[in-house]
Amino acid sequence: MSTKASKKVSYRWHLRVRMAERGMYATSDLLPLLAERGVVLSREQVYRLVAQVPERLSLTTLAALCDALELSPGDLVEPVRAGPKTAPAKTTSTRGVVQGIRPRRARVAREE
């Protein structure tokens, strides 16, 4: 077993941007283009394909997207090497600032 830290790889999905570059703004614009290429998906499936980063994608669907939009797979999928996990930056709200301020303790002088 290797003692090196494993490299995490992720990806960015650019389908919405590539559609917009071609004047396609409605997710339903893809339905007939995919159907012409033998990929029949529901409106909901196409919406998720465009609006979300797909976890799994068949090569047939990827090939149909590339053919319909005249792209290569690299135009849709951008590999990204994830860096080491870091703690999220702390955001400071006004409430947090106010709660962090404590008044000075009052000194009460006794009357004699």
PDB file of N, CA and C in Angstrom:
ATOM      1  N   MET A   1       0.831  -1.183   0.000  1.00  0.00           N
ATOM      2  CA  MET A   1       0.000   0.000   0.000  1.00  0.00           C
ATOM      3  C   MET A   1       0.876   1.247   0.000  1.00  0.00           C
ATOM      4  N   SER A   2       0.432   2.239  -0.686  1.00  0.00           N
ATOM      5  CA  SER A   2       1.185   3.481  -0.782  1.00  0.00           C
ATOM      6  C   SER A   2       0.867   4.372   0.413  1.00  0.00           C
ATOM      7  N   THR A   3       1.875   5.068   0.885  1.00  0.00           N
ATOM      8  CA  THR A   3       1.664   5.978   2.006  1.00  0.00           C
ATOM      9  C   THR A   3       1.375   7.389   1.540  1.00  0.00           C
ATOM     10  N   LYS A   4       1.427   7.614   0.229  1.00  0.00           N
ATOM     11  CA  LYS A   4       1.124   8.939  -0.305  1.00  0.00           C
ATOM     12  C   LYS A   4      -0.354   9.256  -0.108  1.00  0.00           C
ATOM     13  N   ALA A   5      -0.632  10.541   0.049  1.00  0.00           N
ATOM     14  CA  ALA A   5      -2.030  10.972   0.153  1.00  0.00           C
ATOM     15  C   ALA A   5      -2.690  10.789  -1.208  1.00  0.00           C
ATOM     16  N   SER A   6      -3.909  10.300  -1.204  1.00  0.00           N
ATOM     17  CA  SER A   6      -4.610  10.088  -2.475  1.00  0.00           C
ATOM     18  C   SER A   6      -5.061  11.430  -3.038  1.00  0.00           C
ATOM     19  N   LYS A   7      -5.047  11.521  -4.352  1.00  0.00           N
ATOM     20  CA  LYS A   7      -5.470  12.735  -5.031  1.00  0.00           C
ATOM     21  C   LYS A   7      -6.954  12.640  -5.300  1.00  0.00           C
ATOM     22  N   LYS A   8      -7.667  13.665  -4.953  1.00  0.00           N
ATOM     23  CA  LYS A   8      -9.107  13.709  -5.190  1.00  0.00           C
ATOM     24  C   LYS A   8      -9.358  14.421  -6.505  1.00  0.00           C
ATOM     25  N   VAL A   9     -10.174  13.825  -7.328  1.00  0.00           N
ATOM     26  CA  VAL A   9     -10.508  14.423  -8.614  1.00  0.00           C
ATOM     27  C   VAL A   9     -12.011  14.616  -8.679  1.00  0.00           C
ATOM     28  N   SER A  10     -12.400  15.767  -9.153  1.00  0.00           N
ATOM     29  CA  SER A  10     -13.811  16.073  -9.333  1.00  0.00           C
ATOM     30  C   SER A  10     -13.963  16.622 -10.756  1.00  0.00           C
ATOM     31  N   TYR A  11     -15.100  17.190 -11.065  1.00  0.00           N
ATOM     32  CA  TYR A  11     -15.295  17.755 -12.394  1.00  0.00           C
ATOM     33  C   TYR A  11     -16.344  18.851 -12.351  1.00  0.00           C
ATOM     34  N   ARG A  12     -16.269  19.701 -13.353  1.00  0.00           N
ATOM     35  CA  ARG A  12     -17.291  20.728 -13.557  1.00  0.00           C
ATOM     36  C   ARG A  12     -18.080  20.342 -14.805  1.00  0.00           C
ATOM     37  N   TRP A  13     -19.359  20.588 -14.789  1.00  0.00           N
ATOM     38  CA  TRP A  13     -20.270  20.212 -15.868  1.00  0.00           C
ATOM     39  C   TRP A  13     -20.714  21.490 -16.572  1.00  0.00           C
ATOM     40  N   HIS A  14     -20.453  21.604 -17.866  1.00  0.00           N
ATOM     41  CA  HIS A  14     -20.687  22.843 -18.605  1.00  0.00           C
ATOM     42  C   HIS A  14     -21.820  22.757 -19.626  1.00  0.00           C
ATOM     43  N   LEU A  15     -22.754  21.851 -19.457  1.00  0.00           N
ATOM     44  CA  LEU A  15     -23.818  21.688 -20.445  1.00  0.00           C
ATOM     45  C   LEU A  15     -24.659  22.950 -20.600  1.00  0.00           C
ATOM     46  N   ARG A  16     -25.060  23.565 -19.491  1.00  0.00           N
ATOM     47  CA  ARG A  16     -25.912  24.770 -19.570  1.00  0.00           C
ATOM     48  C   ARG A  16     -25.202  25.884 -20.344  1.00  0.00           C
ATOM     49  N   VAL A  17     -23.915  26.073 -20.082  1.00  0.00           N
ATOM     50  CA  VAL A  17     -23.153  27.126 -20.759  1.00  0.00           C
ATOM     51  C   VAL A  17     -23.046  26.831 -22.252  1.00  0.00           C
ATOM     52  N   ARG A  18     -22.757  25.578 -22.591  1.00  0.00           N
ATOM     53  CA  ARG A  18     -22.614  25.208 -24.004  1.00  0.00           C
ATOM     54  C   ARG A  18     -23.947  25.347 -24.750  1.00  0.00           C
ATOM     55  N   MET A  19     -25.049  25.062 -24.067  1.00  0.00           N
ATOM     56  CA  MET A  19     -26.362  25.261 -24.684  1.00  0.00           C
ATOM     57  C   MET A  19     -26.592  26.749 -24.929  1.00  0.00           C
ATOM     58  N   ALA A  20     -26.299  27.577 -23.947  1.00  0.00           N
ATOM     59  CA  ALA A  20     -26.518  29.019 -24.073  1.00  0.00           C
ATOM     60  C   ALA A  20     -25.677  29.604 -25.207  1.00  0.00           C
ATOM     61  N   GLU A  21     -24.472  29.090 -25.390  1.00  0.00           N
ATOM     62  CA  GLU A  21     -23.622  29.560 -26.480  1.00  0.00           C
ATOM     63  C   GLU A  21     -24.262  29.303 -27.842  1.00  0.00           C
ATOM     64  N   ARG A  22     -25.178  28.350 -27.889  1.00  0.00           N
ATOM     65  CA  ARG A  22     -25.864  28.003 -29.131  1.00  0.00           C
ATOM     66  C   ARG A  22     -27.300  28.549 -29.169  1.00  0.00           C
ATOM     67  N   GLY A  23     -27.604  29.443 -28.236  1.00  0.00           N
ATOM     68  CA  GLY A  23     -28.929  30.067 -28.207  1.00  0.00           C
ATOM     69  C   GLY A  23     -30.022  29.166 -27.666  1.00  0.00           C
ATOM     70  N   MET A  24     -29.643  28.121 -26.958  1.00  0.00           N
ATOM     71  CA  MET A  24     -30.617  27.193 -26.363  1.00  0.00           C
ATOM     72  C   MET A  24     -30.723  27.502 -24.874  1.00  0.00           C
ATOM     73  N   TYR A  25     -31.869  28.044 -24.472  1.00  0.00           N
ATOM     74  CA  TYR A  25     -32.029  28.445 -23.075  1.00  0.00           C
ATOM     75  C   TYR A  25     -33.039  27.580 -22.332  1.00  0.00           C
ATOM     76  N   ALA A  26     -33.873  26.859 -23.045  1.00  0.00           N
ATOM     77  CA  ALA A  26     -34.858  25.978 -22.411  1.00  0.00           C
ATOM     78  C   ALA A  26     -34.309  24.557 -22.416  1.00  0.00           C
ATOM     79  N   THR A  27     -34.429  23.893 -21.286  1.00  0.00           N
ATOM     80  CA  THR A  27     -33.919  22.523 -21.222  1.00  0.00           C
ATOM     81  C   THR A  27     -34.670  21.613 -22.194  1.00  0.00           C
ATOM     82  N   SER A  28     -35.916  21.968 -22.483  1.00  0.00           N
ATOM     83  CA  SER A  28     -36.708  21.144 -23.403  1.00  0.00           C
ATOM     84  C   SER A  28     -36.180  21.209 -24.837  1.00  0.00           C
ATOM     85  N   ASP A  29     -35.299  22.166 -25.145  1.00  0.00           N
ATOM     86  CA  ASP A  29     -34.689  22.245 -26.476  1.00  0.00           C
ATOM     87  C   ASP A  29     -33.856  21.004 -26.785  1.00  0.00           C
ATOM     88  N   LEU A  30     -33.382  20.335 -25.740  1.00  0.00           N
ATOM     89  CA  LEU A  30     -32.556  19.149 -25.937  1.00  0.00           C
ATOM     90  C   LEU A  30     -33.361  17.893 -26.254  1.00  0.00           C
ATOM     91  N   LEU A  31     -34.617  17.850 -25.834  1.00  0.00           N
ATOM     92  CA  LEU A  31     -35.426  16.641 -26.014  1.00  0.00           C
ATOM     93  C   LEU A  31     -35.428  16.122 -27.454  1.00  0.00           C
ATOM     94  N   PRO A  32     -35.798  16.934 -28.439  1.00  0.00           N
ATOM     95  CA  PRO A  32     -35.834  16.400 -29.806  1.00  0.00           C
ATOM     96  C   PRO A  32     -34.434  16.075 -30.351  1.00  0.00           C
ATOM     97  N   LEU A  33     -33.437  16.853 -29.948  1.00  0.00           N
ATOM     98  CA  LEU A  33     -32.079  16.591 -30.429  1.00  0.00           C
ATOM     99  C   LEU A  33     -31.559  15.245 -29.933  1.00  0.00           C
ATOM    100  N   LEU A  34     -31.848  14.936 -28.678  1.00  0.00           N
ATOM    101  CA  LEU A  34     -31.421  13.647 -28.130  1.00  0.00           C
ATOM    102  C   LEU A  34     -32.250  12.511 -28.738  1.00  0.00           C
ATOM    103  N   ALA A  35     -33.556  12.741 -28.904  1.00  0.00           N
ATOM    104  CA  ALA A  35     -34.432  11.705 -29.468  1.00  0.00           C
ATOM    105  C   ALA A  35     -34.007  11.346 -30.896  1.00  0.00           C
ATOM    106  N   GLU A  36     -33.570  12.343 -31.674  1.00  0.00           N
ATOM    107  CA  GLU A  36     -33.082  12.083 -33.036  1.00  0.00           C
ATOM    108  C   GLU A  36     -31.878  11.143 -33.029  1.00  0.00           C
ATOM    109  N   ARG A  37     -31.166  11.128 -31.916  1.00  0.00           N
ATOM    110  CA  ARG A  37     -29.961  10.307 -31.797  1.00  0.00           C
ATOM    111  C   ARG A  37     -30.200   9.042 -30.980  1.00  0.00           C
ATOM    112  N   GLY A  38     -31.472   8.713 -30.766  1.00  0.00           N
ATOM    113  CA  GLY A  38     -31.823   7.468 -30.087  1.00  0.00           C
ATOM    114  C   GLY A  38     -31.796   7.515 -28.579  1.00  0.00           C
ATOM    115  N   VAL A  39     -31.667   8.701 -27.993  1.00  0.00           N
ATOM    116  CA  VAL A  39     -31.668   8.837 -26.532  1.00  0.00           C
ATOM    117  C   VAL A  39     -32.982   9.489 -26.128  1.00  0.00           C
ATOM    118  N   VAL A  40     -33.848   8.695 -25.527  1.00  0.00           N
ATOM    119  CA  VAL A  40     -35.163   9.192 -25.126  1.00  0.00           C
ATOM    120  C   VAL A  40     -35.159   9.383 -23.615  1.00  0.00           C
ATOM    121  N   LEU A  41     -35.261  10.639 -23.200  1.00  0.00           N
ATOM    122  CA  LEU A  41     -35.299  10.992 -21.784  1.00  0.00           C
ATOM    123  C   LEU A  41     -36.562  11.791 -21.503  1.00  0.00           C
ATOM    124  N   SER A  42     -37.025  11.746 -20.263  1.00  0.00           N
ATOM    125  CA  SER A  42     -38.186  12.555 -19.876  1.00  0.00           C
ATOM    126  C   SER A  42     -37.750  14.011 -19.714  1.00  0.00           C
ATOM    127  N   ARG A  43     -38.726  14.893 -19.677  1.00  0.00           N
ATOM    128  CA  ARG A  43     -38.407  16.318 -19.453  1.00  0.00           C
ATOM    129  C   ARG A  43     -37.664  16.502 -18.141  1.00  0.00           C
ATOM    130  N   GLU A  44     -38.069  15.757 -17.118  1.00  0.00           N
ATOM    131  CA  GLU A  44     -37.434  15.868 -15.804  1.00  0.00           C
ATOM    132  C   GLU A  44     -35.983  15.400 -15.854  1.00  0.00           C
ATOM    133  N   GLN A  45     -35.726  14.321 -16.579  1.00  0.00           N
ATOM    134  CA  GLN A  45     -34.358  13.815 -16.698  1.00  0.00           C
ATOM    135  C   GLN A  45     -33.463  14.817 -17.432  1.00  0.00           C
ATOM    136  N   VAL A  46     -33.996  15.420 -18.486  1.00  0.00           N
ATOM    137  CA  VAL A  46     -33.219  16.413 -19.232  1.00  0.00           C
ATOM    138  C   VAL A  46     -32.980  17.641 -18.365  1.00  0.00           C
ATOM    139  N   TYR A  47     -33.990  18.052 -17.611  1.00  0.00           N
ATOM    140  CA  TYR A  47     -33.821  19.198 -16.712  1.00  0.00           C
ATOM    141  C   TYR A  47     -32.684  18.923 -15.724  1.00  0.00           C
ATOM    142  N   ARG A  48     -32.691  17.746 -15.094  1.00  0.00           N
ATOM    143  CA  ARG A  48     -31.632  17.407 -14.136  1.00  0.00           C
ATOM    144  C   ARG A  48     -30.271  17.344 -14.819  1.00  0.00           C
ATOM    145  N   LEU A  49     -30.248  16.842 -16.039  1.00  0.00           N
ATOM    146  CA  LEU A  49     -29.000  16.744 -16.791  1.00  0.00           C
ATOM    147  C   LEU A  49     -28.400  18.128 -17.043  1.00  0.00           C
ATOM    148  N   VAL A  50     -29.258  19.101 -17.299  1.00  0.00           N
ATOM    149  CA  VAL A  50     -28.797  20.460 -17.592  1.00  0.00           C
ATOM    150  C   VAL A  50     -28.544  21.248 -16.308  1.00  0.00           C
ATOM    151  N   ALA A  51     -29.447  21.144 -15.350  1.00  0.00           N
ATOM    152  CA  ALA A  51     -29.404  22.012 -14.170  1.00  0.00           C
ATOM    153  C   ALA A  51     -28.481  21.513 -13.056  1.00  0.00           C
ATOM    154  N   GLN A  52     -28.165  20.235 -13.056  1.00  0.00           N
ATOM    155  CA  GLN A  52     -27.345  19.679 -11.982  1.00  0.00           C
ATOM    156  C   GLN A  52     -26.126  18.992 -12.571  1.00  0.00           C
ATOM    157  N   VAL A  53     -25.133  18.788 -11.730  1.00  0.00           N
ATOM    158  CA  VAL A  53     -23.953  18.027 -12.151  1.00  0.00           C
ATOM    159  C   VAL A  53     -24.310  16.549 -12.056  1.00  0.00           C
ATOM    160  N   PRO A  54     -24.274  15.829 -13.178  1.00  0.00           N
ATOM    161  CA  PRO A  54     -24.679  14.418 -13.125  1.00  0.00           C
ATOM    162  C   PRO A  54     -23.662  13.562 -12.378  1.00  0.00           C
ATOM    163  N   GLU A  55     -24.161  12.673 -11.538  1.00  0.00           N
ATOM    164  CA  GLU A  55     -23.301  11.721 -10.829  1.00  0.00           C
ATOM    165  C   GLU A  55     -22.895  10.589 -11.769  1.00  0.00           C
ATOM    166  N   ARG A  56     -23.851  10.136 -12.571  1.00  0.00           N
ATOM    167  CA  ARG A  56     -23.615   9.072 -13.552  1.00  0.00           C
ATOM    168  C   ARG A  56     -24.218   9.522 -14.879  1.00  0.00           C
ATOM    169  N   LEU A  57     -23.531   9.166 -15.960  1.00  0.00           N
ATOM    170  CA  LEU A  57     -24.000   9.554 -17.281  1.00  0.00           C
ATOM    171  C   LEU A  57     -23.567   8.466 -18.251  1.00  0.00           C
ATOM    172  N   SER A  58     -24.517   7.940 -19.008  1.00  0.00           N
ATOM    173  CA  SER A  58     -24.156   6.888 -19.954  1.00  0.00           C
ATOM    174  C   SER A  58     -23.346   7.496 -21.094  1.00  0.00           C
ATOM    175  N   LEU A  59     -22.465   6.692 -21.648  1.00  0.00           N
ATOM    176  CA  LEU A  59     -21.659   7.153 -22.771  1.00  0.00           C
ATOM    177  C   LEU A  59     -22.521   7.427 -23.994  1.00  0.00           C
ATOM    178  N   THR A  60     -23.632   6.708 -24.116  1.00  0.00           N
ATOM    179  CA  THR A  60     -24.553   6.947 -25.225  1.00  0.00           C
ATOM    180  C   THR A  60     -25.143   8.348 -25.120  1.00  0.00           C
ATOM    181  N   THR A  61     -25.538   8.745 -23.918  1.00  0.00           N
ATOM    182  CA  THR A  61     -26.093  10.082 -23.702  1.00  0.00           C
ATOM    183  C   THR A  61     -25.022  11.141 -23.933  1.00  0.00           C
ATOM    184  N   LEU A  62     -23.821  10.902 -23.428  1.00  0.00           N
ATOM    185  CA  LEU A  62     -22.727  11.852 -23.629  1.00  0.00           C
ATOM    186  C   LEU A  62     -22.426  12.003 -25.118  1.00  0.00           C
ATOM    187  N   ALA A  63     -22.368  10.896 -25.831  1.00  0.00           N
ATOM    188  CA  ALA A  63     -22.105  10.944 -27.280  1.00  0.00           C
ATOM    189  C   ALA A  63     -23.214  11.693 -28.012  1.00  0.00           C
ATOM    190  N   ALA A  64     -24.470  11.470 -27.616  1.00  0.00           N
ATOM    191  CA  ALA A  64     -25.598  12.164 -28.243  1.00  0.00           C
ATOM    192  C   ALA A  64     -25.528  13.668 -27.977  1.00  0.00           C
ATOM    193  N   LEU A  65     -25.178  14.053 -26.744  1.00  0.00           N
ATOM    194  CA  LEU A  65     -25.027  15.473 -26.419  1.00  0.00           C
ATOM    195  C   LEU A  65     -23.924  16.105 -27.263  1.00  0.00           C
ATOM    196  N   CYS A  66     -22.803  15.407 -27.353  1.00  0.00           N
ATOM    197  CA  CYS A  66     -21.670  15.929 -28.127  1.00  0.00           C
ATOM    198  C   CYS A  66     -22.036  16.081 -29.599  1.00  0.00           C
ATOM    199  N   ASP A  67     -22.734  15.109 -30.146  1.00  0.00           N
ATOM    200  CA  ASP A  67     -23.128  15.172 -31.546  1.00  0.00           C
ATOM    201  C   ASP A  67     -24.153  16.277 -31.781  1.00  0.00           C
ATOM    202  N   ALA A  68     -25.143  16.368 -30.912  1.00  0.00           N
ATOM    203  CA  ALA A  68     -26.212  17.357 -31.075  1.00  0.00           C
ATOM    204  C   ALA A  68     -25.683  18.784 -30.968  1.00  0.00           C
ATOM    205  N   LEU A  69     -24.735  19.004 -30.063  1.00  0.00           N
ATOM    206  CA  LEU A  69     -24.206  20.353 -29.840  1.00  0.00           C
ATOM    207  C   LEU A  69     -22.886  20.599 -30.576  1.00  0.00           C
ATOM    208  N   GLU A  70     -22.437  19.579 -31.332  1.00  0.00           N
ATOM    209  CA  GLU A  70     -21.179  19.656 -32.067  1.00  0.00           C
ATOM    210  C   GLU A  70     -20.017  20.017 -31.142  1.00  0.00           C
ATOM    211  N   LEU A  71     -19.855  19.183 -30.112  1.00  0.00           N
ATOM    212  CA  LEU A  71     -18.832  19.382 -29.080  1.00  0.00           C
ATOM    213  C   LEU A  71     -18.001  18.127 -28.931  1.00  0.00           C
ATOM    214  N   SER A  72     -16.935  18.242 -28.172  1.00  0.00           N
ATOM    215  CA  SER A  72     -16.202  17.063 -27.732  1.00  0.00           C
ATOM    216  C   SER A  72     -16.516  16.873 -26.251  1.00  0.00           C
ATOM    217  N   PRO A  73     -16.299  15.690 -25.705  1.00  0.00           N
ATOM    218  CA  PRO A  73     -16.593  15.475 -24.284  1.00  0.00           C
ATOM    219  C   PRO A  73     -15.866  16.466 -23.369  1.00  0.00           C
ATOM    220  N   GLY A  74     -14.659  16.872 -23.756  1.00  0.00           N
ATOM    221  CA  GLY A  74     -13.909  17.835 -22.949  1.00  0.00           C
ATOM    222  C   GLY A  74     -14.551  19.206 -22.872  1.00  0.00           C
ATOM    223  N   ASP A  75     -15.438  19.518 -23.816  1.00  0.00           N
ATOM    224  CA  ASP A  75     -16.158  20.786 -23.768  1.00  0.00           C
ATOM    225  C   ASP A  75     -17.262  20.762 -22.710  1.00  0.00           C
ATOM    226  N   LEU A  76     -17.725  19.570 -22.374  1.00  0.00           N
ATOM    227  CA  LEU A  76     -18.799  19.427 -21.382  1.00  0.00           C
ATOM    228  C   LEU A  76     -18.272  19.119 -19.988  1.00  0.00           C
ATOM    229  N   VAL A  77     -17.218  18.329 -19.927  1.00  0.00           N
ATOM    230  CA  VAL A  77     -16.697  17.864 -18.638  1.00  0.00           C
ATOM    231  C   VAL A  77     -15.296  18.427 -18.446  1.00  0.00           C
ATOM    232  N   GLU A  78     -15.106  19.176 -17.378  1.00  0.00           N
ATOM    233  CA  GLU A  78     -13.798  19.730 -17.052  1.00  0.00           C
ATOM    234  C   GLU A  78     -13.275  19.062 -15.785  1.00  0.00           C
ATOM    235  N   PRO A  79     -12.249  18.236 -15.891  1.00  0.00           N
ATOM    236  CA  PRO A  79     -11.699  17.603 -14.684  1.00  0.00           C
ATOM    237  C   PRO A  79     -11.063  18.656 -13.776  1.00  0.00           C
ATOM    238  N   VAL A  80     -11.253  18.484 -12.490  1.00  0.00           N
ATOM    239  CA  VAL A  80     -10.705  19.422 -11.510  1.00  0.00           C
ATOM    240  C   VAL A  80     -10.065  18.615 -10.395  1.00  0.00           C
ATOM    241  N   ARG A  81      -8.823  18.907 -10.114  1.00  0.00           N
ATOM    242  CA  ARG A  81      -8.155  18.246  -8.999  1.00  0.00           C
ATOM    243  C   ARG A  81      -8.506  19.017  -7.732  1.00  0.00           C
ATOM    244  N   ALA A  82      -9.103  18.328  -6.802  1.00  0.00           N
ATOM    245  CA  ALA A  82      -9.500  18.954  -5.541  1.00  0.00           C
ATOM    246  C   ALA A  82      -8.293  19.013  -4.620  1.00  0.00           C
ATOM    247  N   GLY A  83      -8.095  20.142  -3.990  1.00  0.00           N
ATOM    248  CA  GLY A  83      -6.999  20.310  -3.055  1.00  0.00           C
ATOM    249  C   GLY A  83      -7.340  19.664  -1.723  1.00  0.00           C
ATOM    250  N   PRO A  84      -6.421  19.752  -0.777  1.00  0.00           N
ATOM    251  CA  PRO A  84      -6.705  19.182   0.539  1.00  0.00           C
ATOM    252  C   PRO A  84      -7.881  19.897   1.178  1.00  0.00           C
ATOM    253  N   LYS A  85      -8.632  19.145   1.936  1.00  0.00           N
ATOM    254  CA  LYS A  85      -9.794  19.730   2.600  1.00  0.00           C
ATOM    255  C   LYS A  85      -9.346  20.743   3.636  1.00  0.00           C
ATOM    256  N   THR A  86      -9.991  21.880   3.603  1.00  0.00           N
ATOM    257  CA  THR A  86      -9.723  22.912   4.597  1.00  0.00           C
ATOM    258  C   THR A  86     -11.024  23.260   5.275  1.00  0.00           C
ATOM    259  N   ALA A  87     -10.901  23.801   6.457  1.00  0.00           N
ATOM    260  CA  ALA A  87     -12.101  24.207   7.187  1.00  0.00           C
ATOM    261  C   ALA A  87     -12.735  25.374   6.448  1.00  0.00           C
ATOM    262  N   PRO A  88     -14.062  25.405   6.381  1.00  0.00           N
ATOM    263  CA  PRO A  88     -14.712  26.522   5.707  1.00  0.00           C
ATOM    264  C   PRO A  88     -14.405  27.830   6.417  1.00  0.00           C
ATOM    265  N   ALA A  89     -14.307  28.881   5.649  1.00  0.00           N
ATOM    266  CA  ALA A  89     -14.028  30.191   6.224  1.00  0.00           C
ATOM    267  C   ALA A  89     -15.176  30.601   7.123  1.00  0.00           C
ATOM    268  N   LYS A  90     -14.813  31.195   8.235  1.00  0.00           N
ATOM    269  CA  LYS A  90     -15.846  31.650   9.158  1.00  0.00           C
ATOM    270  C   LYS A  90     -16.456  32.927   8.625  1.00  0.00           C
ATOM    271  N   THR A  91     -17.761  32.937   8.595  1.00  0.00           N
ATOM    272  CA  THR A  91     -18.444  34.146   8.178  1.00  0.00           C
ATOM    273  C   THR A  91     -18.912  34.861   9.425  1.00  0.00           C
ATOM    274  N   THR A  92     -18.796  36.143   9.380  1.00  0.00           N
ATOM    275  CA  THR A  92     -19.172  36.918  10.557  1.00  0.00           C
ATOM    276  C   THR A  92     -20.435  37.691  10.243  1.00  0.00           C
ATOM    277  N   SER A  93     -21.452  37.413  10.993  1.00  0.00           N
ATOM    278  CA  SER A  93     -22.675  38.174  10.828  1.00  0.00           C
ATOM    279  C   SER A  93     -22.694  39.275  11.878  1.00  0.00           C
ATOM    280  N   THR A  94     -23.570  40.211  11.694  1.00  0.00           N
ATOM    281  CA  THR A  94     -23.685  41.300  12.659  1.00  0.00           C
ATOM    282  C   THR A  94     -24.046  40.746  14.023  1.00  0.00           C
ATOM    283  N   ARG A  95     -24.894  39.745  14.039  1.00  0.00           N
ATOM    284  CA  ARG A  95     -25.306  39.155  15.308  1.00  0.00           C
ATOM    285  C   ARG A  95     -24.109  38.543  16.031  1.00  0.00           C
ATOM    286  N   GLY A  96     -23.240  37.852  15.281  1.00  0.00           N
ATOM    287  CA  GLY A  96     -22.061  37.248  15.885  1.00  0.00           C
ATOM    288  C   GLY A  96     -21.128  38.296  16.469  1.00  0.00           C
ATOM    289  N   VAL A  97     -21.016  39.428  15.785  1.00  0.00           N
ATOM    290  CA  VAL A  97     -20.154  40.498  16.278  1.00  0.00           C
ATOM    291  C   VAL A  97     -20.732  41.069  17.555  1.00  0.00           C
ATOM    292  N   VAL A  98     -22.021  41.307  17.567  1.00  0.00           N
ATOM    293  CA  VAL A  98     -22.669  41.884  18.743  1.00  0.00           C
ATOM    294  C   VAL A  98     -22.581  40.920  19.923  1.00  0.00           C
ATOM    295  N   GLN A  99     -22.774  39.631  19.671  1.00  0.00           N
ATOM    296  CA  GLN A  99     -22.708  38.667  20.763  1.00  0.00           C
ATOM    297  C   GLN A  99     -21.305  38.547  21.323  1.00  0.00           C
ATOM    298  N   GLY A 100     -20.297  38.812  20.505  1.00  0.00           N
ATOM    299  CA  GLY A 100     -18.923  38.704  20.963  1.00  0.00           C
ATOM    300  C   GLY A 100     -18.496  39.876  21.832  1.00  0.00           C
ATOM    301  N   ILE A 101     -19.250  40.956  21.829  1.00  0.00           N
ATOM    302  CA  ILE A 101     -18.901  42.131  22.627  1.00  0.00           C
ATOM    303  C   ILE A 101     -19.567  42.001  23.984  1.00  0.00           C
ATOM    304  N   ARG A 102     -18.748  42.103  25.013  1.00  0.00           N
ATOM    305  CA  ARG A 102     -19.290  42.010  26.370  1.00  0.00           C
ATOM    306  C   ARG A 102     -19.132  43.360  27.047  1.00  0.00           C
ATOM    307  N   PRO A 103     -20.136  43.781  27.748  1.00  0.00           N
ATOM    308  CA  PRO A 103     -20.014  45.070  28.448  1.00  0.00           C
ATOM    309  C   PRO A 103     -19.020  44.947  29.599  1.00  0.00           C
ATOM    310  N   ARG A 104     -18.452  46.059  29.959  1.00  0.00           N
ATOM    311  CA  ARG A 104     -17.550  46.052  31.104  1.00  0.00           C
ATOM    312  C   ARG A 104     -18.348  45.830  32.367  1.00  0.00           C
ATOM    313  N   ARG A 105     -17.729  45.147  33.251  1.00  0.00           N
ATOM    314  CA  ARG A 105     -18.388  44.876  34.527  1.00  0.00           C
ATOM    315  C   ARG A 105     -18.476  46.182  35.309  1.00  0.00           C
ATOM    316  N   ALA A 106     -19.662  46.432  35.817  1.00  0.00           N
ATOM    317  CA  ALA A 106     -19.861  47.657  36.577  1.00  0.00           C
ATOM    318  C   ALA A 106     -19.272  47.515  37.965  1.00  0.00           C
ATOM    319  N   ARG A 107     -18.662  48.566  38.449  1.00  0.00           N
ATOM    320  CA  ARG A 107     -18.162  48.578  39.825  1.00  0.00           C
ATOM    321  C   ARG A 107     -19.102  49.458  40.649  1.00  0.00           C
ATOM    322  N   VAL A 108     -19.642  48.871  41.605  1.00  0.00           N
ATOM    323  CA  VAL A 108     -20.597  49.588  42.431  1.00  0.00           C
ATOM    324  C   VAL A 108     -19.872  50.002  43.715  1.00  0.00           C
ATOM    325  N   ALA A 109     -19.863  51.290  43.925  1.00  0.00           N
ATOM    326  CA  ALA A 109     -19.212  51.808  45.133  1.00  0.00           C
ATOM    327  C   ALA A 109     -20.257  51.852  46.244  1.00  0.00           C
ATOM    328  N   ARG A 110     -19.859  51.366  47.385  1.00  0.00           N
ATOM    329  CA  ARG A 110     -20.789  51.406  48.524  1.00  0.00           C
ATOM    330  C   ARG A 110     -20.796  52.793  49.152  1.00  0.00           C
ATOM    331  N   GLU A 111     -21.960  53.191  49.519  1.00  0.00           N
ATOM    332  CA  GLU A 111     -22.086  54.474  50.206  1.00  0.00           C
ATOM    333  C   GLU A 111     -21.792  54.273  51.668  1.00  0.00           C
ATOM    334  N   GLU A 112     -21.102  55.216  52.238  1.00  0.00           N
ATOM    335  CA  GLU A 112     -20.789  55.091  53.660  1.00  0.00           C
ATOM    336  C   GLU A 112     -21.544  56.054  54.477  1.00  0.00           C
TER     337      GLU A 112
END
